[in-house]
Amino acid sequence: PEAAASVNSPVCINETINLTASGGVSYSWTGPDSFSSTLQNPSIAGA
């Protein structure tokens, strides 16, 4: 797949982080602070 990822960075504390991905039919995210998600475009409130 032609995997791509982007985010609305930078953000301020308490704002929402919006992650976006493309290129496939299923997605698996990992990140800081033990973050994980199987959504294509997950959001993390309360940054």
ModelCIF file with pLDDT and N, C-alpha, C, O atoms, coordinates in Angstrom:
data_MODEL
#
_entry.id   MODEL 
#
_entity.id                         1 
_entity.type                       polymer 
_entity.pdbx_number_of_molecules   1 
#
_entity_poly.entity_id                      1 
_entity_poly.type                           'polypeptide(L)' 
_entity_poly.nstd_linkage                   no 
_entity_poly.nstd_monomer                   no 
_entity_poly.pdbx_seq_one_letter_code       PEAAASVNSPVCINETINLTASGGVSYSWTGPDSFSSTLQNPSIAGA 
_entity_poly.pdbx_seq_one_letter_code_can   PEAAASVNSPVCINETINLTASGGVSYSWTGPDSFSSTLQNPSIAGA 
_entity_poly.pdbx_strand_id                 A 
#
loop_
_entity_poly_seq.entity_id 
_entity_poly_seq.num 
_entity_poly_seq.mon_id 
_entity_poly_seq.hetero 
1 1  PRO n 
1 2  GLU n 
1 3  ALA n 
1 4  ALA n 
1 5  ALA n 
1 6  SER n 
1 7  VAL n 
1 8  ASN n 
1 9  SER n 
1 10 PRO n 
1 11 VAL n 
1 12 CYS n 
1 13 ILE n 
1 14 ASN n 
1 15 GLU n 
1 16 THR n 
1 17 ILE n 
1 18 ASN n 
1 19 LEU n 
1 20 THR n 
1 21 ALA n 
1 22 SER n 
1 23 GLY n 
1 24 GLY n 
1 25 VAL n 
1 26 SER n 
1 27 TYR n 
1 28 SER n 
1 29 TRP n 
1 30 THR n 
1 31 GLY n 
1 32 PRO n 
1 33 ASP n 
1 34 SER n 
1 35 PHE n 
1 36 SER n 
1 37 SER n 
1 38 THR n 
1 39 LEU n 
1 40 GLN n 
1 41 ASN n 
1 42 PRO n 
1 43 SER n 
1 44 ILE n 
1 45 ALA n 
1 46 GLY n 
1 47 ALA n 
#
_struct_asym.id          A 
_struct_asym.entity_id   1 
#
loop_
_ma_qa_metric.id 
_ma_qa_metric.mode 
_ma_qa_metric.name 
_ma_qa_metric.software_group_id 
_ma_qa_metric.type 
1 global pLDDT . pLDDT 
2 local  pLDDT . pLDDT 
#
_ma_qa_metric_global.metric_id      1 
_ma_qa_metric_global.metric_value   97.45 
_ma_qa_metric_global.model_id       1 
_ma_qa_metric_global.ordinal_id     1 
#
loop_
_ma_qa_metric_local.label_asym_id 
_ma_qa_metric_local.label_comp_id 
_ma_qa_metric_local.label_seq_id 
_ma_qa_metric_local.metric_id 
_ma_qa_metric_local.metric_value 
_ma_qa_metric_local.model_id 
_ma_qa_metric_local.ordinal_id 
A PRO 1  2 98.00 1 1  
A GLU 2  2 97.00 1 2  
A ALA 3  2 98.00 1 3  
A ALA 4  2 98.00 1 4  
A ALA 5  2 98.00 1 5  
A SER 6  2 98.00 1 6  
A VAL 7  2 98.00 1 7  
A ASN 8  2 97.00 1 8  
A SER 9  2 95.00 1 9  
A PRO 10 2 96.00 1 10 
A VAL 11 2 97.00 1 11 
A CYS 12 2 95.00 1 12 
A ILE 13 2 96.00 1 13 
A ASN 14 2 95.00 1 14 
A GLU 15 2 96.00 1 15 
A THR 16 2 98.00 1 16 
A ILE 17 2 98.00 1 17 
A ASN 18 2 98.00 1 18 
A LEU 19 2 98.00 1 19 
A THR 20 2 98.00 1 20 
A ALA 21 2 98.00 1 21 
A SER 22 2 98.00 1 22 
A GLY 23 2 98.00 1 23 
A GLY 24 2 98.00 1 24 
A VAL 25 2 98.00 1 25 
A SER 26 2 98.00 1 26 
A TYR 27 2 98.00 1 27 
A SER 28 2 98.00 1 28 
A TRP 29 2 98.00 1 29 
A THR 30 2 98.00 1 30 
A GLY 31 2 98.00 1 31 
A PRO 32 2 98.00 1 32 
A ASP 33 2 96.00 1 33 
A SER 34 2 96.00 1 34 
A PHE 35 2 98.00 1 35 
A SER 36 2 98.00 1 36 
A SER 37 2 98.00 1 37 
A THR 38 2 98.00 1 38 
A LEU 39 2 98.00 1 39 
A GLN 40 2 98.00 1 40 
A ASN 41 2 98.00 1 41 
A PRO 42 2 98.00 1 42 
A SER 43 2 98.00 1 43 
A ILE 44 2 98.00 1 44 
A ALA 45 2 97.00 1 45 
A GLY 46 2 96.00 1 46 
A ALA 47 2 97.00 1 47 
#
loop_
_atom_site.group_PDB 
_atom_site.id 
_atom_site.type_symbol 
_atom_site.label_atom_id 
_atom_site.label_alt_id 
_atom_site.label_comp_id 
_atom_site.label_asym_id 
_atom_site.label_entity_id 
_atom_site.label_seq_id 
_atom_site.pdbx_PDB_ins_code 
_atom_site.Cartn_x 
_atom_site.Cartn_y 
_atom_site.Cartn_z 
_atom_site.occupancy 
_atom_site.B_iso_or_equiv 
_atom_site.pdbx_formal_charge 
_atom_site.auth_seq_id 
_atom_site.auth_comp_id 
_atom_site.auth_asym_id 
_atom_site.auth_atom_id 
_atom_site.pdbx_PDB_model_num 
ATOM 1   N N  . PRO A 1 1  ? 0.836   -1.204 0.000  1.00 98.00 ? 1  PRO A N  1 
ATOM 2   C CA . PRO A 1 1  ? 0.000   0.000  0.000  1.00 98.00 ? 1  PRO A CA 1 
ATOM 3   C C  . PRO A 1 1  ? 0.870   1.253  0.000  1.00 98.00 ? 1  PRO A C  1 
ATOM 4   O O  . PRO A 1 1  ? 2.007   1.229  0.471  1.00 98.00 ? 1  PRO A O  1 
ATOM 5   N N  . GLU A 1 2  ? 0.331   2.342  -0.529 1.00 97.00 ? 2  GLU A N  1 
ATOM 6   C CA . GLU A 1 2  ? 1.022   3.630  -0.486 1.00 97.00 ? 2  GLU A CA 1 
ATOM 7   C C  . GLU A 1 2  ? 0.565   4.359  0.769  1.00 97.00 ? 2  GLU A C  1 
ATOM 8   O O  . GLU A 1 2  ? -0.313  5.221  0.723  1.00 97.00 ? 2  GLU A O  1 
ATOM 9   N N  . ALA A 1 3  ? 1.171   3.999  1.880  1.00 98.00 ? 3  ALA A N  1 
ATOM 10  C CA . ALA A 1 3  ? 0.752   4.516  3.187  1.00 98.00 ? 3  ALA A CA 1 
ATOM 11  C C  . ALA A 1 3  ? 1.112   5.990  3.324  1.00 98.00 ? 3  ALA A C  1 
ATOM 12  O O  . ALA A 1 3  ? 2.197   6.414  2.926  1.00 98.00 ? 3  ALA A O  1 
ATOM 13  N N  . ALA A 1 4  ? 0.187   6.771  3.895  1.00 98.00 ? 4  ALA A N  1 
ATOM 14  C CA . ALA A 1 4  ? 0.430   8.191  4.155  1.00 98.00 ? 4  ALA A CA 1 
ATOM 15  C C  . ALA A 1 4  ? -0.221  8.567  5.477  1.00 98.00 ? 4  ALA A C  1 
ATOM 16  O O  . ALA A 1 4  ? -1.269  8.031  5.836  1.00 98.00 ? 4  ALA A O  1 
ATOM 17  N N  . ALA A 1 5  ? 0.405   9.491  6.199  1.00 98.00 ? 5  ALA A N  1 
ATOM 18  C CA . ALA A 1 5  ? -0.119  9.938  7.484  1.00 98.00 ? 5  ALA A CA 1 
ATOM 19  C C  . ALA A 1 5  ? 0.113   11.439 7.641  1.00 98.00 ? 5  ALA A C  1 
ATOM 20  O O  . ALA A 1 5  ? 1.107   11.978 7.156  1.00 98.00 ? 5  ALA A O  1 
ATOM 21  N N  . SER A 1 6  ? -0.818  12.106 8.326  1.00 98.00 ? 6  SER A N  1 
ATOM 22  C CA . SER A 1 6  ? -0.655  13.537 8.598  1.00 98.00 ? 6  SER A CA 1 
ATOM 23  C C  . SER A 1 6  ? -1.395  13.886 9.878  1.00 98.00 ? 6  SER A C  1 
ATOM 24  O O  . SER A 1 6  ? -2.161  13.075 10.399 1.00 98.00 ? 6  SER A O  1 
ATOM 25  N N  . VAL A 1 7  ? -1.163  15.104 10.391 1.00 98.00 ? 7  VAL A N  1 
ATOM 26  C CA . VAL A 1 7  ? -1.756  15.529 11.658 1.00 98.00 ? 7  VAL A CA 1 
ATOM 27  C C  . VAL A 1 7  ? -1.830  17.058 11.679 1.00 98.00 ? 7  VAL A C  1 
ATOM 28  O O  . VAL A 1 7  ? -1.085  17.736 10.972 1.00 98.00 ? 7  VAL A O  1 
ATOM 29  N N  . ASN A 1 8  ? -2.725  17.579 12.488 1.00 97.00 ? 8  ASN A N  1 
ATOM 30  C CA . ASN A 1 8  ? -2.900  19.030 12.618 1.00 97.00 ? 8  ASN A CA 1 
ATOM 31  C C  . ASN A 1 8  ? -1.956  19.602 13.676 1.00 97.00 ? 8  ASN A C  1 
ATOM 32  O O  . ASN A 1 8  ? -2.398  20.239 14.632 1.00 97.00 ? 8  ASN A O  1 
ATOM 33  N N  . SER A 1 9  ? -0.679  19.374 13.500 1.00 95.00 ? 9  SER A N  1 
ATOM 34  C CA . SER A 1 9  ? 0.323   19.829 14.475 1.00 95.00 ? 9  SER A CA 1 
ATOM 35  C C  . SER A 1 9  ? 0.954   21.133 13.998 1.00 95.00 ? 9  SER A C  1 
ATOM 36  O O  . SER A 1 9  ? 1.108   21.337 12.794 1.00 95.00 ? 9  SER A O  1 
ATOM 37  N N  . PRO A 1 10 ? 1.330   22.038 14.946 1.00 96.00 ? 10 PRO A N  1 
ATOM 38  C CA . PRO A 1 10 ? 1.265   21.875 16.409 1.00 96.00 ? 10 PRO A CA 1 
ATOM 39  C C  . PRO A 1 10 ? -0.121  22.194 16.957 1.00 96.00 ? 10 PRO A C  1 
ATOM 40  O O  . PRO A 1 10 ? -0.924  22.867 16.310 1.00 96.00 ? 10 PRO A O  1 
ATOM 41  N N  . VAL A 1 11 ? -0.384  21.693 18.172 1.00 97.00 ? 11 VAL A N  1 
ATOM 42  C CA . VAL A 1 11 ? -1.621  22.009 18.888 1.00 97.00 ? 11 VAL A CA 1 
ATOM 43  C C  . VAL A 1 11 ? -1.247  22.482 20.287 1.00 97.00 ? 11 VAL A C  1 
ATOM 44  O O  . VAL A 1 11 ? -0.118  22.295 20.739 1.00 97.00 ? 11 VAL A O  1 
ATOM 45  N N  . CYS A 1 12 ? -2.206  23.091 20.959 1.00 95.00 ? 12 CYS A N  1 
ATOM 46  C CA . CYS A 1 12 ? -2.000  23.547 22.337 1.00 95.00 ? 12 CYS A CA 1 
ATOM 47  C C  . CYS A 1 12 ? -2.576  22.535 23.318 1.00 95.00 ? 12 CYS A C  1 
ATOM 48  O O  . CYS A 1 12 ? -3.405  21.703 22.950 1.00 95.00 ? 12 CYS A O  1 
ATOM 49  N N  . ILE A 1 13 ? -2.138  22.611 24.549 1.00 96.00 ? 13 ILE A N  1 
ATOM 50  C CA . ILE A 1 13 ? -2.692  21.754 25.600 1.00 96.00 ? 13 ILE A CA 1 
ATOM 51  C C  . ILE A 1 13 ? -4.217  21.892 25.618 1.00 96.00 ? 13 ILE A C  1 
ATOM 52  O O  . ILE A 1 13 ? -4.760  22.990 25.487 1.00 96.00 ? 13 ILE A O  1 
ATOM 53  N N  . ASN A 1 14 ? -4.886  20.759 25.782 1.00 95.00 ? 14 ASN A N  1 
ATOM 54  C CA . ASN A 1 14 ? -6.353  20.646 25.859 1.00 95.00 ? 14 ASN A CA 1 
ATOM 55  C C  . ASN A 1 14 ? -7.041  20.741 24.500 1.00 95.00 ? 14 ASN A C  1 
ATOM 56  O O  . ASN A 1 14 ? -8.257  20.574 24.417 1.00 95.00 ? 14 ASN A O  1 
ATOM 57  N N  . GLU A 1 15 ? -6.293  21.004 23.444 1.00 96.00 ? 15 GLU A N  1 
ATOM 58  C CA . GLU A 1 15 ? -6.898  20.961 22.120 1.00 96.00 ? 15 GLU A CA 1 
ATOM 59  C C  . GLU A 1 15 ? -6.966  19.504 21.642 1.00 96.00 ? 15 GLU A C  1 
ATOM 60  O O  . GLU A 1 15 ? -6.530  18.594 22.346 1.00 96.00 ? 15 GLU A O  1 
ATOM 61  N N  . THR A 1 16 ? -7.511  19.295 20.449 1.00 98.00 ? 16 THR A N  1 
ATOM 62  C CA . THR A 1 16 ? -7.704  17.945 19.913 1.00 98.00 ? 16 THR A CA 1 
ATOM 63  C C  . THR A 1 16 ? -6.668  17.650 18.824 1.00 98.00 ? 16 THR A C  1 
ATOM 64  O O  . THR A 1 16 ? -6.465  18.441 17.903 1.00 98.00 ? 16 THR A O  1 
ATOM 65  N N  . ILE A 1 17 ? -6.028  16.502 18.956 1.00 98.00 ? 17 ILE A N  1 
ATOM 66  C CA . ILE A 1 17 ? -5.102  16.021 17.930 1.00 98.00 ? 17 ILE A CA 1 
ATOM 67  C C  . ILE A 1 17 ? -5.906  15.208 16.910 1.00 98.00 ? 17 ILE A C  1 
ATOM 68  O O  . ILE A 1 17 ? -6.586  14.247 17.268 1.00 98.00 ? 17 ILE A O  1 
ATOM 69  N N  . ASN A 1 18 ? -5.820  15.604 15.639 1.00 98.00 ? 18 ASN A N  1 
ATOM 70  C CA . ASN A 1 18 ? -6.541  14.899 14.576 1.00 98.00 ? 18 ASN A CA 1 
ATOM 71  C C  . ASN A 1 18 ? -5.543  14.201 13.649 1.00 98.00 ? 18 ASN A C  1 
ATOM 72  O O  . ASN A 1 18 ? -4.836  14.851 12.880 1.00 98.00 ? 18 ASN A O  1 
ATOM 73  N N  . LEU A 1 19 ? -5.497  12.878 13.733 1.00 98.00 ? 19 LEU A N  1 
ATOM 74  C CA . LEU A 1 19 ? -4.619  12.077 12.884 1.00 98.00 ? 19 LEU A CA 1 
ATOM 75  C C  . LEU A 1 19 ? -5.381  11.612 11.653 1.00 98.00 ? 19 LEU A C  1 
ATOM 76  O O  . LEU A 1 19 ? -6.560  11.269 11.747 1.00 98.00 ? 19 LEU A O  1 
ATOM 77  N N  . THR A 1 20 ? -4.725  11.597 10.510 1.00 98.00 ? 20 THR A N  1 
ATOM 78  C CA . THR A 1 20 ? -5.360  11.096 9.284  1.00 98.00 ? 20 THR A CA 1 
ATOM 79  C C  . THR A 1 20 ? -4.403  10.164 8.557  1.00 98.00 ? 20 THR A C  1 
ATOM 80  O O  . THR A 1 20 ? -3.187  10.353 8.588  1.00 98.00 ? 20 THR A O  1 
ATOM 81  N N  . ALA A 1 21 ? -4.971  9.154  7.899  1.00 98.00 ? 21 ALA A N  1 
ATOM 82  C CA . ALA A 1 21 ? -4.182  8.179  7.144  1.00 98.00 ? 21 ALA A CA 1 
ATOM 83  C C  . ALA A 1 21 ? -4.915  7.811  5.870  1.00 98.00 ? 21 ALA A C  1 
ATOM 84  O O  . ALA A 1 21 ? -6.128  7.989  5.758  1.00 98.00 ? 21 ALA A O  1 
ATOM 85  N N  . SER A 1 22 ? -4.154  7.288  4.901  1.00 98.00 ? 22 SER A N  1 
ATOM 86  C CA . SER A 1 22 ? -4.752  6.839  3.639  1.00 98.00 ? 22 SER A CA 1 
ATOM 87  C C  . SER A 1 22 ? -3.878  5.764  3.029  1.00 98.00 ? 22 SER A C  1 
ATOM 88  O O  . SER A 1 22 ? -2.741  5.545  3.447  1.00 98.00 ? 22 SER A O  1 
ATOM 89  N N  . GLY A 1 23 ? -4.446  5.088  2.013  1.00 98.00 ? 23 GLY A N  1 
ATOM 90  C CA . GLY A 1 23 ? -3.656  4.125  1.247  1.00 98.00 ? 23 GLY A CA 1 
ATOM 91  C C  . GLY A 1 23 ? -4.049  2.676  1.401  1.00 98.00 ? 23 GLY A C  1 
ATOM 92  O O  . GLY A 1 23 ? -3.472  1.815  0.736  1.00 98.00 ? 23 GLY A O  1 
ATOM 93  N N  . GLY A 1 24 ? -5.029  2.370  2.271  1.00 98.00 ? 24 GLY A N  1 
ATOM 94  C CA . GLY A 1 24 ? -5.354  0.960  2.486  1.00 98.00 ? 24 GLY A CA 1 
ATOM 95  C C  . GLY A 1 24 ? -6.820  0.725  2.802  1.00 98.00 ? 24 GLY A C  1 
ATOM 96  O O  . GLY A 1 24 ? -7.676  1.579  2.574  1.00 98.00 ? 24 GLY A O  1 
ATOM 97  N N  . VAL A 1 25 ? -7.080  -0.454 3.330  1.00 98.00 ? 25 VAL A N  1 
ATOM 98  C CA . VAL A 1 25 ? -8.445  -0.818 3.728  1.00 98.00 ? 25 VAL A CA 1 
ATOM 99  C C  . VAL A 1 25 ? -8.562  -1.000 5.238  1.00 98.00 ? 25 VAL A C  1 
ATOM 100 O O  . VAL A 1 25 ? -9.672  -1.054 5.766  1.00 98.00 ? 25 VAL A O  1 
ATOM 101 N N  . SER A 1 26 ? -7.435  -1.095 5.938  1.00 98.00 ? 26 SER A N  1 
ATOM 102 C CA . SER A 1 26 ? -7.461  -1.150 7.398  1.00 98.00 ? 26 SER A CA 1 
ATOM 103 C C  . SER A 1 26 ? -6.220  -0.463 7.943  1.00 98.00 ? 26 SER A C  1 
ATOM 104 O O  . SER A 1 26 ? -5.204  -0.339 7.259  1.00 98.00 ? 26 SER A O  1 
ATOM 105 N N  . TYR A 1 27 ? -6.327  -0.011 9.215  1.00 98.00 ? 27 TYR A N  1 
ATOM 106 C CA . TYR A 1 27 ? -5.294  0.844  9.787  1.00 98.00 ? 27 TYR A CA 1 
ATOM 107 C C  . TYR A 1 27 ? -5.064  0.482  11.246 1.00 98.00 ? 27 TYR A C  1 
ATOM 108 O O  . TYR A 1 27 ? -5.984  0.073  11.954 1.00 98.00 ? 27 TYR A O  1 
ATOM 109 N N  . SER A 1 28 ? -3.830  0.640  11.679 1.00 98.00 ? 28 SER A N  1 
ATOM 110 C CA . SER A 1 28 ? -3.482  0.396  13.083 1.00 98.00 ? 28 SER A CA 1 
ATOM 111 C C  . SER A 1 28 ? -2.455  1.437  13.515 1.00 98.00 ? 28 SER A C  1 
ATOM 112 O O  . SER A 1 28 ? -1.327  1.454  13.023 1.00 98.00 ? 28 SER A O  1 
ATOM 113 N N  . TRP A 1 29 ? -2.869  2.317  14.454 1.00 98.00 ? 29 TRP A N  1 
ATOM 114 C CA . TRP A 1 29 ? -2.034  3.406  14.931 1.00 98.00 ? 29 TRP A CA 1 
ATOM 115 C C  . TRP A 1 29 ? -1.383  3.058  16.261 1.00 98.00 ? 29 TRP A C  1 
ATOM 116 O O  . TRP A 1 29 ? -1.980  2.374  17.093 1.00 98.00 ? 29 TRP A O  1 
ATOM 117 N N  . THR A 1 30 ? -0.154  3.530  16.459 1.00 98.00 ? 30 THR A N  1 
ATOM 118 C CA . THR A 1 30 ? 0.496   3.526  17.766 1.00 98.00 ? 30 THR A CA 1 
ATOM 119 C C  . THR A 1 30 ? 1.191   4.870  17.933 1.00 98.00 ? 30 THR A C  1 
ATOM 120 O O  . THR A 1 30 ? 1.550   5.528  16.957 1.00 98.00 ? 30 THR A O  1 
ATOM 121 N N  . GLY A 1 31 ? 1.375   5.269  19.209 1.00 98.00 ? 31 GLY A N  1 
ATOM 122 C CA . GLY A 1 31 ? 2.015   6.548  19.448 1.00 98.00 ? 31 GLY A CA 1 
ATOM 123 C C  . GLY A 1 31 ? 2.364   6.765  20.894 1.00 98.00 ? 31 GLY A C  1 
ATOM 124 O O  . GLY A 1 31 ? 2.230   5.854  21.711 1.00 98.00 ? 31 GLY A O  1 
ATOM 125 N N  . PRO A 1 32 ? 2.815   7.973  21.226 1.00 98.00 ? 32 PRO A N  1 
ATOM 126 C CA . PRO A 1 32 ? 3.221   8.286  22.596 1.00 98.00 ? 32 PRO A CA 1 
ATOM 127 C C  . PRO A 1 32 ? 2.077   8.116  23.589 1.00 98.00 ? 32 PRO A C  1 
ATOM 128 O O  . PRO A 1 32 ? 0.903   8.085  23.220 1.00 98.00 ? 32 PRO A O  1 
ATOM 129 N N  . ASP A 1 33 ? 2.456   8.008  24.863 1.00 96.00 ? 33 ASP A N  1 
ATOM 130 C CA . ASP A 1 33 ? 1.481   7.905  25.952 1.00 96.00 ? 33 ASP A CA 1 
ATOM 131 C C  . ASP A 1 33 ? 0.581   6.682  25.781 1.00 96.00 ? 33 ASP A C  1 
ATOM 132 O O  . ASP A 1 33 ? -0.601  6.715  26.125 1.00 96.00 ? 33 ASP A O  1 
ATOM 133 N N  . SER A 1 34 ? 1.166   5.587  25.235 1.00 96.00 ? 34 SER A N  1 
ATOM 134 C CA . SER A 1 34 ? 0.461   4.302  25.050 1.00 96.00 ? 34 SER A CA 1 
ATOM 135 C C  . SER A 1 34 ? -0.738  4.412  24.122 1.00 96.00 ? 34 SER A C  1 
ATOM 136 O O  . SER A 1 34 ? -1.701  3.658  24.261 1.00 96.00 ? 34 SER A O  1 
ATOM 137 N N  . PHE A 1 35 ? -0.688  5.333  23.186 1.00 98.00 ? 35 PHE A N  1 
ATOM 138 C CA . PHE A 1 35 ? -1.805  5.496  22.262 1.00 98.00 ? 35 PHE A CA 1 
ATOM 139 C C  . PHE A 1 35 ? -1.876  4.349  21.265 1.00 98.00 ? 35 PHE A C  1 
ATOM 140 O O  . PHE A 1 35 ? -0.848  3.881  20.775 1.00 98.00 ? 35 PHE A O  1 
ATOM 141 N N  . SER A 1 36 ? -3.090  3.897  20.963 1.00 98.00 ? 36 SER A N  1 
ATOM 142 C CA . SER A 1 36 ? -3.337  2.933  19.891 1.00 98.00 ? 36 SER A CA 1 
ATOM 143 C C  . SER A 1 36 ? -4.755  3.106  19.380 1.00 98.00 ? 36 SER A C  1 
ATOM 144 O O  . SER A 1 36 ? -5.654  3.495  20.126 1.00 98.00 ? 36 SER A O  1 
ATOM 145 N N  . SER A 1 37 ? -4.947  2.815  18.107 1.00 98.00 ? 37 SER A N  1 
ATOM 146 C CA . SER A 1 37 ? -6.274  2.929  17.504 1.00 98.00 ? 37 SER A CA 1 
ATOM 147 C C  . SER A 1 37 ? -6.312  2.152  16.206 1.00 98.00 ? 37 SER A C  1 
ATOM 148 O O  . SER A 1 37 ? -5.300  2.044  15.514 1.00 98.00 ? 37 SER A O  1 
ATOM 149 N N  . THR A 1 38 ? -7.472  1.611  15.870 1.00 98.00 ? 38 THR A N  1 
ATOM 150 C CA . THR A 1 38 ? -7.665  0.943  14.584 1.00 98.00 ? 38 THR A CA 1 
ATOM 151 C C  . THR A 1 38 ? -8.561  1.765  13.658 1.00 98.00 ? 38 THR A C  1 
ATOM 152 O O  . THR A 1 38 ? -9.008  1.278  12.620 1.00 98.00 ? 38 THR A O  1 
ATOM 153 N N  . LEU A 1 39 ? -8.820  3.027  14.047 1.00 98.00 ? 39 LEU A N  1 
ATOM 154 C CA . LEU A 1 39 ? -9.570  3.927  13.176 1.00 98.00 ? 39 LEU A CA 1 
ATOM 155 C C  . LEU A 1 39 ? -8.640  4.475  12.095 1.00 98.00 ? 39 LEU A C  1 
ATOM 156 O O  . LEU A 1 39 ? -7.433  4.603  12.301 1.00 98.00 ? 39 LEU A O  1 
ATOM 157 N N  . GLN A 1 40 ? -9.216  4.791  10.954 1.00 98.00 ? 40 GLN A N  1 
ATOM 158 C CA . GLN A 1 40 ? -8.402  5.392  9.896  1.00 98.00 ? 40 GLN A CA 1 
ATOM 159 C C  . GLN A 1 40 ? -7.962  6.794  10.302 1.00 98.00 ? 40 GLN A C  1 
ATOM 160 O O  . GLN A 1 40 ? -6.805  7.166  10.106 1.00 98.00 ? 40 GLN A O  1 
ATOM 161 N N  . ASN A 1 41 ? -8.884  7.572  10.866 1.00 98.00 ? 41 ASN A N  1 
ATOM 162 C CA . ASN A 1 41 ? -8.614  8.967  11.219 1.00 98.00 ? 41 ASN A CA 1 
ATOM 163 C C  . ASN A 1 41 ? -9.021  9.232  12.668 1.00 98.00 ? 41 ASN A C  1 
ATOM 164 O O  . ASN A 1 41 ? -10.051 9.862  12.910 1.00 98.00 ? 41 ASN A O  1 
ATOM 165 N N  . PRO A 1 42 ? -8.239  8.768  13.623 1.00 98.00 ? 42 PRO A N  1 
ATOM 166 C CA . PRO A 1 42 ? -8.612  8.952  15.028 1.00 98.00 ? 42 PRO A CA 1 
ATOM 167 C C  . PRO A 1 42 ? -8.343  10.372 15.518 1.00 98.00 ? 42 PRO A C  1 
ATOM 168 O O  . PRO A 1 42 ? -7.490  11.081 14.984 1.00 98.00 ? 42 PRO A O  1 
ATOM 169 N N  . SER A 1 43 ? -9.088  10.769 16.544 1.00 98.00 ? 43 SER A N  1 
ATOM 170 C CA . SER A 1 43 ? -8.884  12.055 17.202 1.00 98.00 ? 43 SER A CA 1 
ATOM 171 C C  . SER A 1 43 ? -8.579  11.822 18.668 1.00 98.00 ? 43 SER A C  1 
ATOM 172 O O  . SER A 1 43 ? -9.110  10.893 19.278 1.00 98.00 ? 43 SER A O  1 
ATOM 173 N N  . ILE A 1 44 ? -7.720  12.667 19.240 1.00 98.00 ? 44 ILE A N  1 
ATOM 174 C CA . ILE A 1 44 ? -7.349  12.558 20.650 1.00 98.00 ? 44 ILE A CA 1 
ATOM 175 C C  . ILE A 1 44 ? -7.666  13.888 21.303 1.00 98.00 ? 44 ILE A C  1 
ATOM 176 O O  . ILE A 1 44 ? -6.989  14.888 21.062 1.00 98.00 ? 44 ILE A O  1 
ATOM 177 N N  . ALA A 1 45 ? -8.710  13.896 22.140 1.00 97.00 ? 45 ALA A N  1 
ATOM 178 C CA . ALA A 1 45 ? -9.124  15.129 22.808 1.00 97.00 ? 45 ALA A CA 1 
ATOM 179 C C  . ALA A 1 45 ? -8.253  15.375 24.044 1.00 97.00 ? 45 ALA A C  1 
ATOM 180 O O  . ALA A 1 45 ? -7.643  14.456 24.591 1.00 97.00 ? 45 ALA A O  1 
ATOM 181 N N  . GLY A 1 46 ? -8.215  16.641 24.465 1.00 96.00 ? 46 GLY A N  1 
ATOM 182 C CA . GLY A 1 46 ? -7.511  16.983 25.693 1.00 96.00 ? 46 GLY A CA 1 
ATOM 183 C C  . GLY A 1 46 ? -6.025  16.739 25.612 1.00 96.00 ? 46 GLY A C  1 
ATOM 184 O O  . GLY A 1 46 ? -5.462  16.048 26.462 1.00 96.00 ? 46 GLY A O  1 
ATOM 185 N N  . ALA A 1 47 ? -5.379  17.295 24.605 1.00 97.00 ? 47 ALA A N  1 
ATOM 186 C CA . ALA A 1 47 ? -3.954  17.050 24.385 1.00 97.00 ? 47 ALA A CA 1 
ATOM 187 C C  . ALA A 1 47 ? -3.112  17.491 25.579 1.00 97.00 ? 47 ALA A C  1 
ATOM 188 O O  . ALA A 1 47 ? -1.889  17.355 25.556 1.00 97.00 ? 47 ALA A O  1 
#
